[in-house]
Amino acid sequence: MPDNINIPNYEMSVVLGNLLENAIEACQKLEKKRKIELAVKPQGEQLAIMIRNTFDGNVITNEGQLLSTKVNGGIGLQSVKAVVQRYGEIFLTEHDNEWFSVFILWAKENIK
């Protein structure tokens, strides 16, 4: 993590903590092929975060918005998205039948 990032530690913890928790929980539902990949690296004057994990392929949406598959619901991705909207430029999710991916690009003004 760059020393010159202008995002409070607790906000970065919300992002990384929720993304990792979601990835771990998704992998725990699988009997095999459990894999999590995380990359946090500078991209020029920006900071990119990518996390992807294998999952069971089950995605629930409502009007294009991803909904939690947790029994009691969950607000992890919504919390991440809220932080990214305050500081970031891009929040993107992608999925296929095997992999779920989240891409974040922090805004240039937050890298000093």
PDB file of N, CA and C in Angstrom:
ATOM      1  N   MET A   1       0.851  -1.168   0.000  1.00  0.00           N
ATOM      2  CA  MET A   1       0.000   0.000   0.000  1.00  0.00           C
ATOM      3  C   MET A   1       0.902   1.239   0.000  1.00  0.00           C
ATOM      4  N   PRO A   2       0.693   2.164  -0.897  1.00  0.00           N
ATOM      5  CA  PRO A   2       1.524   3.373  -0.915  1.00  0.00           C
ATOM      6  C   PRO A   2       1.356   4.195   0.357  1.00  0.00           C
ATOM      7  N   ASP A   3       2.464   4.803   0.812  1.00  0.00           N
ATOM      8  CA  ASP A   3       2.404   5.671   1.987  1.00  0.00           C
ATOM      9  C   ASP A   3       1.648   6.963   1.697  1.00  0.00           C
ATOM     10  N   ASN A   4       1.582   7.335   0.436  1.00  0.00           N
ATOM     11  CA  ASN A   4       1.020   8.637   0.076  1.00  0.00           C
ATOM     12  C   ASN A   4      -0.467   8.591  -0.278  1.00  0.00           C
ATOM     13  N   ILE A   5      -1.169   7.559   0.141  1.00  0.00           N
ATOM     14  CA  ILE A   5      -2.602   7.487  -0.148  1.00  0.00           C
ATOM     15  C   ILE A   5      -3.367   8.302   0.888  1.00  0.00           C
ATOM     16  N   ASN A   6      -4.307   9.085   0.421  1.00  0.00           N
ATOM     17  CA  ASN A   6      -5.043  10.015   1.274  1.00  0.00           C
ATOM     18  C   ASN A   6      -6.442   9.465   1.586  1.00  0.00           C
ATOM     19  N   ILE A   7      -6.503   8.223   2.011  1.00  0.00           N
ATOM     20  CA  ILE A   7      -7.762   7.580   2.382  1.00  0.00           C
ATOM     21  C   ILE A   7      -7.585   7.064   3.799  1.00  0.00           C
ATOM     22  N   PRO A   8      -8.491   7.409   4.719  1.00  0.00           N
ATOM     23  CA  PRO A   8      -8.330   6.972   6.107  1.00  0.00           C
ATOM     24  C   PRO A   8      -8.185   5.454   6.213  1.00  0.00           C
ATOM     25  N   ASN A   9      -7.352   5.025   7.153  1.00  0.00           N
ATOM     26  CA  ASN A   9      -7.108   3.589   7.349  1.00  0.00           C
ATOM     27  C   ASN A   9      -8.399   2.814   7.582  1.00  0.00           C
ATOM     28  N   TYR A  10      -9.330   3.381   8.367  1.00  0.00           N
ATOM     29  CA  TYR A  10     -10.566   2.656   8.647  1.00  0.00           C
ATOM     30  C   TYR A  10     -11.392   2.473   7.375  1.00  0.00           C
ATOM     31  N   GLU A  11     -11.345   3.434   6.457  1.00  0.00           N
ATOM     32  CA  GLU A  11     -12.074   3.301   5.192  1.00  0.00           C
ATOM     33  C   GLU A  11     -11.446   2.207   4.328  1.00  0.00           C
ATOM     34  N   MET A  12     -10.107   2.171   4.288  1.00  0.00           N
ATOM     35  CA  MET A  12      -9.421   1.124   3.531  1.00  0.00           C
ATOM     36  C   MET A  12      -9.697  -0.238   4.163  1.00  0.00           C
ATOM     37  N   SER A  13      -9.810  -0.269   5.498  1.00  0.00           N
ATOM     38  CA  SER A  13     -10.143  -1.520   6.190  1.00  0.00           C
ATOM     39  C   SER A  13     -11.542  -1.998   5.823  1.00  0.00           C
ATOM     40  N   VAL A  14     -12.488  -1.076   5.682  1.00  0.00           N
ATOM     41  CA  VAL A  14     -13.842  -1.438   5.264  1.00  0.00           C
ATOM     42  C   VAL A  14     -13.787  -2.110   3.900  1.00  0.00           C
ATOM     43  N   VAL A  15     -13.029  -1.518   2.991  1.00  0.00           N
ATOM     44  CA  VAL A  15     -12.940  -2.057   1.633  1.00  0.00           C
ATOM     45  C   VAL A  15     -12.281  -3.431   1.628  1.00  0.00           C
ATOM     46  N   LEU A  16     -11.050  -3.498   2.119  1.00  0.00           N
ATOM     47  CA  LEU A  16     -10.319  -4.767   2.060  1.00  0.00           C
ATOM     48  C   LEU A  16     -10.957  -5.835   2.941  1.00  0.00           C
ATOM     49  N   GLY A  17     -11.431  -5.450   4.122  1.00  0.00           N
ATOM     50  CA  GLY A  17     -12.053  -6.408   5.030  1.00  0.00           C
ATOM     51  C   GLY A  17     -13.307  -7.027   4.442  1.00  0.00           C
ATOM     52  N   ASN A  18     -14.187  -6.203   3.889  1.00  0.00           N
ATOM     53  CA  ASN A  18     -15.426  -6.721   3.304  1.00  0.00           C
ATOM     54  C   ASN A  18     -15.151  -7.569   2.067  1.00  0.00           C
ATOM     55  N   LEU A  19     -14.242  -7.123   1.223  1.00  0.00           N
ATOM     56  CA  LEU A  19     -13.943  -7.895   0.023  1.00  0.00           C
ATOM     57  C   LEU A  19     -13.353  -9.257   0.371  1.00  0.00           C
ATOM     58  N   LEU A  20     -12.420  -9.276   1.330  1.00  0.00           N
ATOM     59  CA  LEU A  20     -11.821 -10.550   1.726  1.00  0.00           C
ATOM     60  C   LEU A  20     -12.833 -11.447   2.435  1.00  0.00           C
ATOM     61  N   GLU A  21     -13.656 -10.873   3.285  1.00  0.00           N
ATOM     62  CA  GLU A  21     -14.682 -11.667   3.980  1.00  0.00           C
ATOM     63  C   GLU A  21     -15.636 -12.305   2.972  1.00  0.00           C
ATOM     64  N   ASN A  22     -16.073 -11.531   1.992  1.00  0.00           N
ATOM     65  CA  ASN A  22     -16.964 -12.070   0.963  1.00  0.00           C
ATOM     66  C   ASN A  22     -16.298 -13.192   0.179  1.00  0.00           C
ATOM     67  N   ALA A  23     -15.032 -12.983  -0.182  1.00  0.00           N
ATOM     68  CA  ALA A  23     -14.306 -13.991  -0.962  1.00  0.00           C
ATOM     69  C   ALA A  23     -14.137 -15.283  -0.160  1.00  0.00           C
ATOM     70  N   ILE A  24     -13.782 -15.151   1.103  1.00  0.00           N
ATOM     71  CA  ILE A  24     -13.601 -16.330   1.956  1.00  0.00           C
ATOM     72  C   ILE A  24     -14.922 -17.079   2.116  1.00  0.00           C
ATOM     73  N   GLU A  25     -15.997 -16.353   2.390  1.00  0.00           N
ATOM     74  CA  GLU A  25     -17.300 -17.005   2.556  1.00  0.00           C
ATOM     75  C   GLU A  25     -17.751 -17.692   1.276  1.00  0.00           C
ATOM     76  N   ALA A  26     -17.482 -17.081   0.130  1.00  0.00           N
ATOM     77  CA  ALA A  26     -17.851 -17.706  -1.142  1.00  0.00           C
ATOM     78  C   ALA A  26     -17.060 -18.995  -1.363  1.00  0.00           C
ATOM     79  N   CYS A  27     -15.787 -18.965  -1.041  1.00  0.00           N
ATOM     80  CA  CYS A  27     -14.951 -20.157  -1.215  1.00  0.00           C
ATOM     81  C   CYS A  27     -15.341 -21.264  -0.237  1.00  0.00           C
ATOM     82  N   GLN A  28     -15.781 -20.903   0.946  1.00  0.00           N
ATOM     83  CA  GLN A  28     -16.167 -21.914   1.928  1.00  0.00           C
ATOM     84  C   GLN A  28     -17.376 -22.731   1.469  1.00  0.00           C
ATOM     85  N   LYS A  29     -18.163 -22.197   0.565  1.00  0.00           N
ATOM     86  CA  LYS A  29     -19.321 -22.920   0.041  1.00  0.00           C
ATOM     87  C   LYS A  29     -18.919 -23.994  -0.967  1.00  0.00           C
ATOM     88  N   LEU A  30     -17.671 -23.956  -1.406  1.00  0.00           N
ATOM     89  CA  LEU A  30     -17.192 -24.902  -2.413  1.00  0.00           C
ATOM     90  C   LEU A  30     -16.504 -26.082  -1.765  1.00  0.00           C
ATOM     91  N   GLU A  31     -16.604 -27.228  -2.401  1.00  0.00           N
ATOM     92  CA  GLU A  31     -15.904 -28.414  -1.907  1.00  0.00           C
ATOM     93  C   GLU A  31     -14.483 -28.482  -2.438  1.00  0.00           C
ATOM     94  N   LYS A  32     -14.249 -27.912  -3.623  1.00  0.00           N
ATOM     95  CA  LYS A  32     -12.915 -27.910  -4.210  1.00  0.00           C
ATOM     96  C   LYS A  32     -12.753 -26.664  -5.076  1.00  0.00           C
ATOM     97  N   LYS A  33     -11.573 -26.504  -5.627  1.00  0.00           N
ATOM     98  CA  LYS A  33     -11.234 -25.343  -6.455  1.00  0.00           C
ATOM     99  C   LYS A  33     -11.458 -24.030  -5.717  1.00  0.00           C
ATOM    100  N   ARG A  34     -11.049 -23.965  -4.466  1.00  0.00           N
ATOM    101  CA  ARG A  34     -11.128 -22.729  -3.690  1.00  0.00           C
ATOM    102  C   ARG A  34      -9.901 -21.875  -3.994  1.00  0.00           C
ATOM    103  N   LYS A  35     -10.142 -20.671  -4.462  1.00  0.00           N
ATOM    104  CA  LYS A  35      -9.014 -19.804  -4.793  1.00  0.00           C
ATOM    105  C   LYS A  35      -9.417 -18.349  -4.639  1.00  0.00           C
ATOM    106  N   ILE A  36      -8.514 -17.570  -4.039  1.00  0.00           N
ATOM    107  CA  ILE A  36      -8.697 -16.126  -3.888  1.00  0.00           C
ATOM    108  C   ILE A  36      -7.433 -15.458  -4.398  1.00  0.00           C
ATOM    109  N   GLU A  37      -7.594 -14.453  -5.240  1.00  0.00           N
ATOM    110  CA  GLU A  37      -6.471 -13.662  -5.740  1.00  0.00           C
ATOM    111  C   GLU A  37      -6.719 -12.210  -5.365  1.00  0.00           C
ATOM    112  N   LEU A  38      -5.711 -11.565  -4.790  1.00  0.00           N
ATOM    113  CA  LEU A  38      -5.809 -10.163  -4.380  1.00  0.00           C
ATOM    114  C   LEU A  38      -4.592  -9.423  -4.891  1.00  0.00           C
ATOM    115  N   ALA A  39      -4.814  -8.294  -5.529  1.00  0.00           N
ATOM    116  CA  ALA A  39      -3.723  -7.434  -5.976  1.00  0.00           C
ATOM    117  C   ALA A  39      -4.055  -6.001  -5.584  1.00  0.00           C
ATOM    118  N   VAL A  40      -3.107  -5.344  -4.942  1.00  0.00           N
ATOM    119  CA  VAL A  40      -3.219  -3.933  -4.593  1.00  0.00           C
ATOM    120  C   VAL A  40      -1.937  -3.293  -5.092  1.00  0.00           C
ATOM    121  N   LYS A  41      -2.039  -2.446  -6.115  1.00  0.00           N
ATOM    122  CA  LYS A  41      -0.814  -1.876  -6.660  1.00  0.00           C
ATOM    123  C   LYS A  41      -1.052  -0.530  -7.317  1.00  0.00           C
ATOM    124  N   PRO A  42      -0.021   0.312  -7.278  1.00  0.00           N
ATOM    125  CA  PRO A  42      -0.112   1.603  -7.955  1.00  0.00           C
ATOM    126  C   PRO A  42      -0.214   1.412  -9.467  1.00  0.00           C
ATOM    127  N   GLN A  43      -0.995   2.247 -10.096  1.00  0.00           N
ATOM    128  CA  GLN A  43      -1.121   2.295 -11.554  1.00  0.00           C
ATOM    129  C   GLN A  43      -0.895   3.751 -11.948  1.00  0.00           C
ATOM    130  N   GLY A  44       0.345   4.102 -12.174  1.00  0.00           N
ATOM    131  CA  GLY A  44       0.654   5.505 -12.436  1.00  0.00           C
ATOM    132  C   GLY A  44       0.393   6.303 -11.177  1.00  0.00           C
ATOM    133  N   GLU A  45      -0.470   7.282 -11.270  1.00  0.00           N
ATOM    134  CA  GLU A  45      -0.824   8.109 -10.110  1.00  0.00           C
ATOM    135  C   GLU A  45      -2.072   7.605  -9.415  1.00  0.00           C
ATOM    136  N   GLN A  46      -2.517   6.412  -9.744  1.00  0.00           N
ATOM    137  CA  GLN A  46      -3.717   5.837  -9.155  1.00  0.00           C
ATOM    138  C   GLN A  46      -3.368   4.557  -8.410  1.00  0.00           C
ATOM    139  N   LEU A  47      -4.319   4.075  -7.634  1.00  0.00           N
ATOM    140  CA  LEU A  47      -4.148   2.823  -6.917  1.00  0.00           C
ATOM    141  C   LEU A  47      -5.255   1.873  -7.360  1.00  0.00           C
ATOM    142  N   ALA A  48      -4.850   0.704  -7.809  1.00  0.00           N
ATOM    143  CA  ALA A  48      -5.807  -0.302  -8.274  1.00  0.00           C
ATOM    144  C   ALA A  48      -5.894  -1.436  -7.264  1.00  0.00           C
ATOM    145  N   ILE A  49      -7.111  -1.902  -7.039  1.00  0.00           N
ATOM    146  CA  ILE A  49      -7.357  -3.074  -6.201  1.00  0.00           C
ATOM    147  C   ILE A  49      -8.177  -4.045  -7.030  1.00  0.00           C
ATOM    148  N   MET A  50      -7.738  -5.306  -7.036  1.00  0.00           N
ATOM    149  CA  MET A  50      -8.476  -6.355  -7.726  1.00  0.00           C
ATOM    150  C   MET A  50      -8.527  -7.544  -6.784  1.00  0.00           C
ATOM    151  N   ILE A  51      -9.716  -8.050  -6.588  1.00  0.00           N
ATOM    152  CA  ILE A  51      -9.865  -9.300  -5.850  1.00  0.00           C
ATOM    153  C   ILE A  51     -10.810 -10.170  -6.658  1.00  0.00           C
ATOM    154  N   ARG A  52     -10.423 -11.423  -6.789  1.00  0.00           N
ATOM    155  CA  ARG A  52     -11.300 -12.370  -7.467  1.00  0.00           C
ATOM    156  C   ARG A  52     -11.228 -13.699  -6.751  1.00  0.00           C
ATOM    157  N   ASN A  53     -12.342 -14.380  -6.777  1.00  0.00           N
ATOM    158  CA  ASN A  53     -12.420 -15.660  -6.079  1.00  0.00           C
ATOM    159  C   ASN A  53     -13.345 -16.599  -6.832  1.00  0.00           C
ATOM    160  N   THR A  54     -13.087 -17.879  -6.630  1.00  0.00           N
ATOM    161  CA  THR A  54     -14.014 -18.867  -7.157  1.00  0.00           C
ATOM    162  C   THR A  54     -15.269 -18.832  -6.294  1.00  0.00           C
ATOM    163  N   PHE A  55     -16.394 -19.196  -6.894  1.00  0.00           N
ATOM    164  CA  PHE A  55     -17.654 -19.224  -6.151  1.00  0.00           C
ATOM    165  C   PHE A  55     -18.611 -20.180  -6.842  1.00  0.00           C
ATOM    166  N   ASP A  56     -19.786 -20.371  -6.250  1.00  0.00           N
ATOM    167  CA  ASP A  56     -20.728 -21.364  -6.755  1.00  0.00           C
ATOM    168  C   ASP A  56     -21.538 -20.902  -7.965  1.00  0.00           C
ATOM    169  N   GLY A  57     -21.299 -19.704  -8.455  1.00  0.00           N
ATOM    170  CA  GLY A  57     -22.001 -19.192  -9.622  1.00  0.00           C
ATOM    171  C   GLY A  57     -23.354 -18.581  -9.327  1.00  0.00           C
ATOM    172  N   ASN A  58     -23.769 -18.591  -8.056  1.00  0.00           N
ATOM    173  CA  ASN A  58     -25.066 -18.049  -7.661  1.00  0.00           C
ATOM    174  C   ASN A  58     -24.959 -16.538  -7.438  1.00  0.00           C
ATOM    175  N   VAL A  59     -25.648 -15.767  -8.269  1.00  0.00           N
ATOM    176  CA  VAL A  59     -25.677 -14.309  -8.151  1.00  0.00           C
ATOM    177  C   VAL A  59     -27.130 -13.875  -8.139  1.00  0.00           C
ATOM    178  N   ILE A  60     -27.469 -13.017  -7.181  1.00  0.00           N
ATOM    179  CA  ILE A  60     -28.828 -12.486  -7.083  1.00  0.00           C
ATOM    180  C   ILE A  60     -28.770 -10.991  -7.376  1.00  0.00           C
ATOM    181  N   THR A  61     -29.624 -10.535  -8.290  1.00  0.00           N
ATOM    182  CA  THR A  61     -29.667  -9.110  -8.623  1.00  0.00           C
ATOM    183  C   THR A  61     -31.097  -8.599  -8.537  1.00  0.00           C
ATOM    184  N   ASN A  62     -31.200  -7.294  -8.351  1.00  0.00           N
ATOM    185  CA  ASN A  62     -32.484  -6.609  -8.370  1.00  0.00           C
ATOM    186  C   ASN A  62     -32.258  -5.294  -9.097  1.00  0.00           C
ATOM    187  N   GLU A  63     -32.859  -5.163 -10.267  1.00  0.00           N
ATOM    188  CA  GLU A  63     -32.695  -3.971 -11.095  1.00  0.00           C
ATOM    189  C   GLU A  63     -31.217  -3.660 -11.333  1.00  0.00           C
ATOM    190  N   GLY A  64     -30.449  -4.692 -11.623  1.00  0.00           N
ATOM    191  CA  GLY A  64     -29.041  -4.524 -11.937  1.00  0.00           C
ATOM    192  C   GLY A  64     -28.114  -4.412 -10.738  1.00  0.00           C
ATOM    193  N   GLN A  65     -28.661  -4.348  -9.530  1.00  0.00           N
ATOM    194  CA  GLN A  65     -27.858  -4.251  -8.319  1.00  0.00           C
ATOM    195  C   GLN A  65     -27.642  -5.646  -7.733  1.00  0.00           C
ATOM    196  N   LEU A  66     -26.387  -5.936  -7.372  1.00  0.00           N
ATOM    197  CA  LEU A  66     -26.099  -7.210  -6.722  1.00  0.00           C
ATOM    198  C   LEU A  66     -26.686  -7.221  -5.324  1.00  0.00           C
ATOM    199  N   LEU A  67     -27.306  -8.327  -4.961  1.00  0.00           N
ATOM    200  CA  LEU A  67     -27.848  -8.507  -3.620  1.00  0.00           C
ATOM    201  C   LEU A  67     -27.063  -9.602  -2.920  1.00  0.00           C
ATOM    202  N   SER A  68     -27.042  -9.541  -1.622  1.00  0.00           N
ATOM    203  CA  SER A  68     -26.326 -10.529  -0.834  1.00  0.00           C
ATOM    204  C   SER A  68     -26.987 -11.898  -0.953  1.00  0.00           C
ATOM    205  N   THR A  69     -26.159 -12.935  -0.969  1.00  0.00           N
ATOM    206  CA  THR A  69     -26.678 -14.300  -0.944  1.00  0.00           C
ATOM    207  C   THR A  69     -26.647 -14.861   0.473  1.00  0.00           C
ATOM    208  N   LYS A  70     -26.250 -14.033   1.447  1.00  0.00           N
ATOM    209  CA  LYS A  70     -26.202 -14.482   2.838  1.00  0.00           C
ATOM    210  C   LYS A  70     -27.616 -14.651   3.369  1.00  0.00           C
ATOM    211  N   VAL A  71     -27.785 -15.598   4.270  1.00  0.00           N
ATOM    212  CA  VAL A  71     -29.105 -15.915   4.815  1.00  0.00           C
ATOM    213  C   VAL A  71     -29.757 -14.681   5.432  1.00  0.00           C
ATOM    214  N   ASN A  72     -29.032 -13.924   6.221  1.00  0.00           N
ATOM    215  CA  ASN A  72     -29.571 -12.730   6.871  1.00  0.00           C
ATOM    216  C   ASN A  72     -29.271 -11.460   6.097  1.00  0.00           C
ATOM    217  N   GLY A  73     -28.932 -11.601   4.838  1.00  0.00           N
ATOM    218  CA  GLY A  73     -28.578 -10.440   4.030  1.00  0.00           C
ATOM    219  C   GLY A  73     -27.173  -9.980   4.373  1.00  0.00           C
ATOM    220  N   GLY A  74     -26.736  -8.969   3.705  1.00  0.00           N
ATOM    221  CA  GLY A  74     -25.406  -8.438   3.945  1.00  0.00           C
ATOM    222  C   GLY A  74     -25.268  -7.109   3.242  1.00  0.00           C
ATOM    223  N   ILE A  75     -24.373  -6.290   3.760  1.00  0.00           N
ATOM    224  CA  ILE A  75     -24.169  -4.970   3.160  1.00  0.00           C
ATOM    225  C   ILE A  75     -22.708  -4.745   2.780  1.00  0.00           C
ATOM    226  N   GLY A  76     -21.937  -5.829   2.703  1.00  0.00           N
ATOM    227  CA  GLY A  76     -20.510  -5.727   2.419  1.00  0.00           C
ATOM    228  C   GLY A  76     -20.186  -4.976   1.146  1.00  0.00           C
ATOM    229  N   LEU A  77     -20.730  -5.416   0.018  1.00  0.00           N
ATOM    230  CA  LEU A  77     -20.414  -4.738  -1.234  1.00  0.00           C
ATOM    231  C   LEU A  77     -20.983  -3.322  -1.285  1.00  0.00           C
ATOM    232  N   GLN A  78     -22.126  -3.105  -0.644  1.00  0.00           N
ATOM    233  CA  GLN A  78     -22.673  -1.744  -0.598  1.00  0.00           C
ATOM    234  C   GLN A  78     -21.761  -0.824   0.216  1.00  0.00           C
ATOM    235  N   SER A  79     -21.184  -1.346   1.308  1.00  0.00           N
ATOM    236  CA  SER A  79     -20.242  -0.560   2.106  1.00  0.00           C
ATOM    237  C   SER A  79     -18.999  -0.232   1.304  1.00  0.00           C
ATOM    238  N   VAL A  80     -18.495  -1.221   0.586  1.00  0.00           N
ATOM    239  CA  VAL A  80     -17.324  -1.004  -0.263  1.00  0.00           C
ATOM    240  C   VAL A  80     -17.633   0.039  -1.322  1.00  0.00           C
ATOM    241  N   LYS A  81     -18.758  -0.114  -1.971  1.00  0.00           N
ATOM    242  CA  LYS A  81     -19.141   0.820  -3.036  1.00  0.00           C
ATOM    243  C   LYS A  81     -19.281   2.240  -2.498  1.00  0.00           C
ATOM    244  N   ALA A  82     -19.819   2.399  -1.299  1.00  0.00           N
ATOM    245  CA  ALA A  82     -19.966   3.728  -0.696  1.00  0.00           C
ATOM    246  C   ALA A  82     -18.606   4.385  -0.461  1.00  0.00           C
ATOM    247  N   VAL A  83     -17.636   3.615   0.022  1.00  0.00           N
ATOM    248  CA  VAL A  83     -16.289   4.160   0.235  1.00  0.00           C
ATOM    249  C   VAL A  83     -15.674   4.529  -1.104  1.00  0.00           C
ATOM    250  N   VAL A  84     -15.803   3.672  -2.075  1.00  0.00           N
ATOM    251  CA  VAL A  84     -15.217   3.948  -3.390  1.00  0.00           C
ATOM    252  C   VAL A  84     -15.850   5.196  -4.005  1.00  0.00           C
ATOM    253  N   GLN A  85     -17.143   5.379  -3.826  1.00  0.00           N
ATOM    254  CA  GLN A  85     -17.795   6.570  -4.362  1.00  0.00           C
ATOM    255  C   GLN A  85     -17.268   7.849  -3.713  1.00  0.00           C
ATOM    256  N   ARG A  86     -16.842   7.756  -2.444  1.00  0.00           N
ATOM    257  CA  ARG A  86     -16.270   8.923  -1.776  1.00  0.00           C
ATOM    258  C   ARG A  86     -14.858   9.241  -2.271  1.00  0.00           C
ATOM    259  N   TYR A  87     -14.082   8.208  -2.578  1.00  0.00           N
ATOM    260  CA  TYR A  87     -12.673   8.403  -2.882  1.00  0.00           C
ATOM    261  C   TYR A  87     -12.241   7.887  -4.245  1.00  0.00           C
ATOM    262  N   GLY A  88     -13.039   7.063  -4.860  1.00  0.00           N
ATOM    263  CA  GLY A  88     -12.559   6.352  -6.032  1.00  0.00           C
ATOM    264  C   GLY A  88     -13.135   6.842  -7.335  1.00  0.00           C
ATOM    265  N   GLU A  89     -12.629   6.240  -8.372  1.00  0.00           N
ATOM    266  CA  GLU A  89     -13.103   6.534  -9.717  1.00  0.00           C
ATOM    267  C   GLU A  89     -13.929   5.377 -10.271  1.00  0.00           C
ATOM    268  N   ILE A  90     -13.502   4.149  -9.954  1.00  0.00           N
ATOM    269  CA  ILE A  90     -14.149   2.987 -10.564  1.00  0.00           C
ATOM    270  C   ILE A  90     -14.427   1.917  -9.517  1.00  0.00           C
ATOM    271  N   PHE A  91     -15.638   1.378  -9.553  1.00  0.00           N
ATOM    272  CA  PHE A  91     -16.028   0.189  -8.791  1.00  0.00           C
ATOM    273  C   PHE A  91     -16.745  -0.701  -9.777  1.00  0.00           C
ATOM    274  N   LEU A  92     -16.163  -1.852 -10.066  1.00  0.00           N
ATOM    275  CA  LEU A  92     -16.713  -2.730 -11.089  1.00  0.00           C
ATOM    276  C   LEU A  92     -16.719  -4.162 -10.580  1.00  0.00           C
ATOM    277  N   THR A  93     -17.824  -4.853 -10.789  1.00  0.00           N
ATOM    278  CA  THR A  93     -17.886  -6.279 -10.481  1.00  0.00           C
ATOM    279  C   THR A  93     -18.139  -7.041 -11.775  1.00  0.00           C
ATOM    280  N   GLU A  94     -17.544  -8.214 -11.844  1.00  0.00           N
ATOM    281  CA  GLU A  94     -17.757  -9.109 -12.979  1.00  0.00           C
ATOM    282  C   GLU A  94     -17.874 -10.526 -12.439  1.00  0.00           C
ATOM    283  N   HIS A  95     -18.585 -11.368 -13.173  1.00  0.00           N
ATOM    284  CA  HIS A  95     -18.672 -12.766 -12.750  1.00  0.00           C
ATOM    285  C   HIS A  95     -19.013 -13.642 -13.940  1.00  0.00           C
ATOM    286  N   ASP A  96     -18.616 -14.885 -13.799  1.00  0.00           N
ATOM    287  CA  ASP A  96     -19.057 -15.928 -14.707  1.00  0.00           C
ATOM    288  C   ASP A  96     -19.514 -17.080 -13.821  1.00  0.00           C
ATOM    289  N   ASN A  97     -19.563 -18.278 -14.316  1.00  0.00           N
ATOM    290  CA  ASN A  97     -20.052 -19.392 -13.501  1.00  0.00           C
ATOM    291  C   ASN A  97     -19.053 -19.878 -12.467  1.00  0.00           C
ATOM    292  N   GLU A  98     -17.788 -19.429 -12.569  1.00  0.00           N
ATOM    293  CA  GLU A  98     -16.751 -19.917 -11.662  1.00  0.00           C
ATOM    294  C   GLU A  98     -16.095 -18.818 -10.838  1.00  0.00           C
ATOM    295  N   TRP A  99     -15.897 -17.641 -11.411  1.00  0.00           N
ATOM    296  CA  TRP A  99     -15.150 -16.556 -10.768  1.00  0.00           C
ATOM    297  C   TRP A  99     -16.021 -15.331 -10.531  1.00  0.00           C
ATOM    298  N   PHE A 100     -15.812 -14.691  -9.373  1.00  0.00           N
ATOM    299  CA  PHE A 100     -16.422 -13.396  -9.050  1.00  0.00           C
ATOM    300  C   PHE A 100     -15.275 -12.423  -8.843  1.00  0.00           C
ATOM    301  N   SER A 101     -15.321 -11.265  -9.494  1.00  0.00           N
ATOM    302  CA  SER A 101     -14.221 -10.302  -9.434  1.00  0.00           C
ATOM    303  C   SER A 101     -14.727  -8.915  -9.082  1.00  0.00           C
ATOM    304  N   VAL A 102     -13.907  -8.189  -8.316  1.00  0.00           N
ATOM    305  CA  VAL A 102     -14.176  -6.785  -7.995  1.00  0.00           C
ATOM    306  C   VAL A 102     -12.931  -5.991  -8.371  1.00  0.00           C
ATOM    307  N   PHE A 103     -13.139  -4.897  -9.092  1.00  0.00           N
ATOM    308  CA  PHE A 103     -12.060  -4.010  -9.497  1.00  0.00           C
ATOM    309  C   PHE A 103     -12.346  -2.616  -8.951  1.00  0.00           C
ATOM    310  N   ILE A 104     -11.334  -2.007  -8.339  1.00  0.00           N
ATOM    311  CA  ILE A 104     -11.472  -0.658  -7.785  1.00  0.00           C
ATOM    312  C   ILE A 104     -10.285   0.157  -8.266  1.00  0.00           C
ATOM    313  N   LEU A 105     -10.547   1.391  -8.655  1.00  0.00           N
ATOM    314  CA  LEU A 105      -9.479   2.317  -9.010  1.00  0.00           C
ATOM    315  C   LEU A 105      -9.680   3.576  -8.191  1.00  0.00           C
ATOM    316  N   TRP A 106      -8.698   3.878  -7.331  1.00  0.00           N
ATOM    317  CA  TRP A 106      -8.792   5.072  -6.491  1.00  0.00           C
ATOM    318  C   TRP A 106      -8.462   6.307  -7.299  1.00  0.00           C
ATOM    319  N   ALA A 107      -9.177   7.379  -7.018  1.00  0.00           N
ATOM    320  CA  ALA A 107      -9.013   8.639  -7.735  1.00  0.00           C
ATOM    321  C   ALA A 107      -7.616   9.234  -7.528  1.00  0.00           C
ATOM    322  N   LYS A 108      -7.121   9.905  -8.557  1.00  0.00           N
ATOM    323  CA  LYS A 108      -5.793  10.515  -8.502  1.00  0.00           C
ATOM    324  C   LYS A 108      -5.638  11.487  -7.350  1.00  0.00           C
ATOM    325  N   GLU A 109      -6.678  12.253  -7.046  1.00  0.00           N
ATOM    326  CA  GLU A 109      -6.564  13.264  -5.977  1.00  0.00           C
ATOM    327  C   GLU A 109      -6.384  12.640  -4.608  1.00  0.00           C
ATOM    328  N   ASN A 110      -6.612  11.344  -4.478  1.00  0.00           N
ATOM    329  CA  ASN A 110      -6.410  10.683  -3.191  1.00  0.00           C
ATOM    330  C   ASN A 110      -5.057  10.004  -3.083  1.00  0.00           C
ATOM    331  N   ILE A 111      -4.236  10.105  -4.115  1.00  0.00           N
ATOM    332  CA  ILE A 111      -2.860   9.618  -4.096  1.00  0.00           C
ATOM    333  C   ILE A 111      -1.968  10.836  -4.143  1.00  0.00           C
ATOM    334  N   LYS A 112      -1.246  11.094  -3.075  1.00  0.00           N
ATOM    335  CA  LYS A 112      -0.401  12.302  -3.023  1.00  0.00           C
ATOM    336  C   LYS A 112       1.050  11.934  -2.890  1.00  0.00           C
TER     337      LYS A 112
END
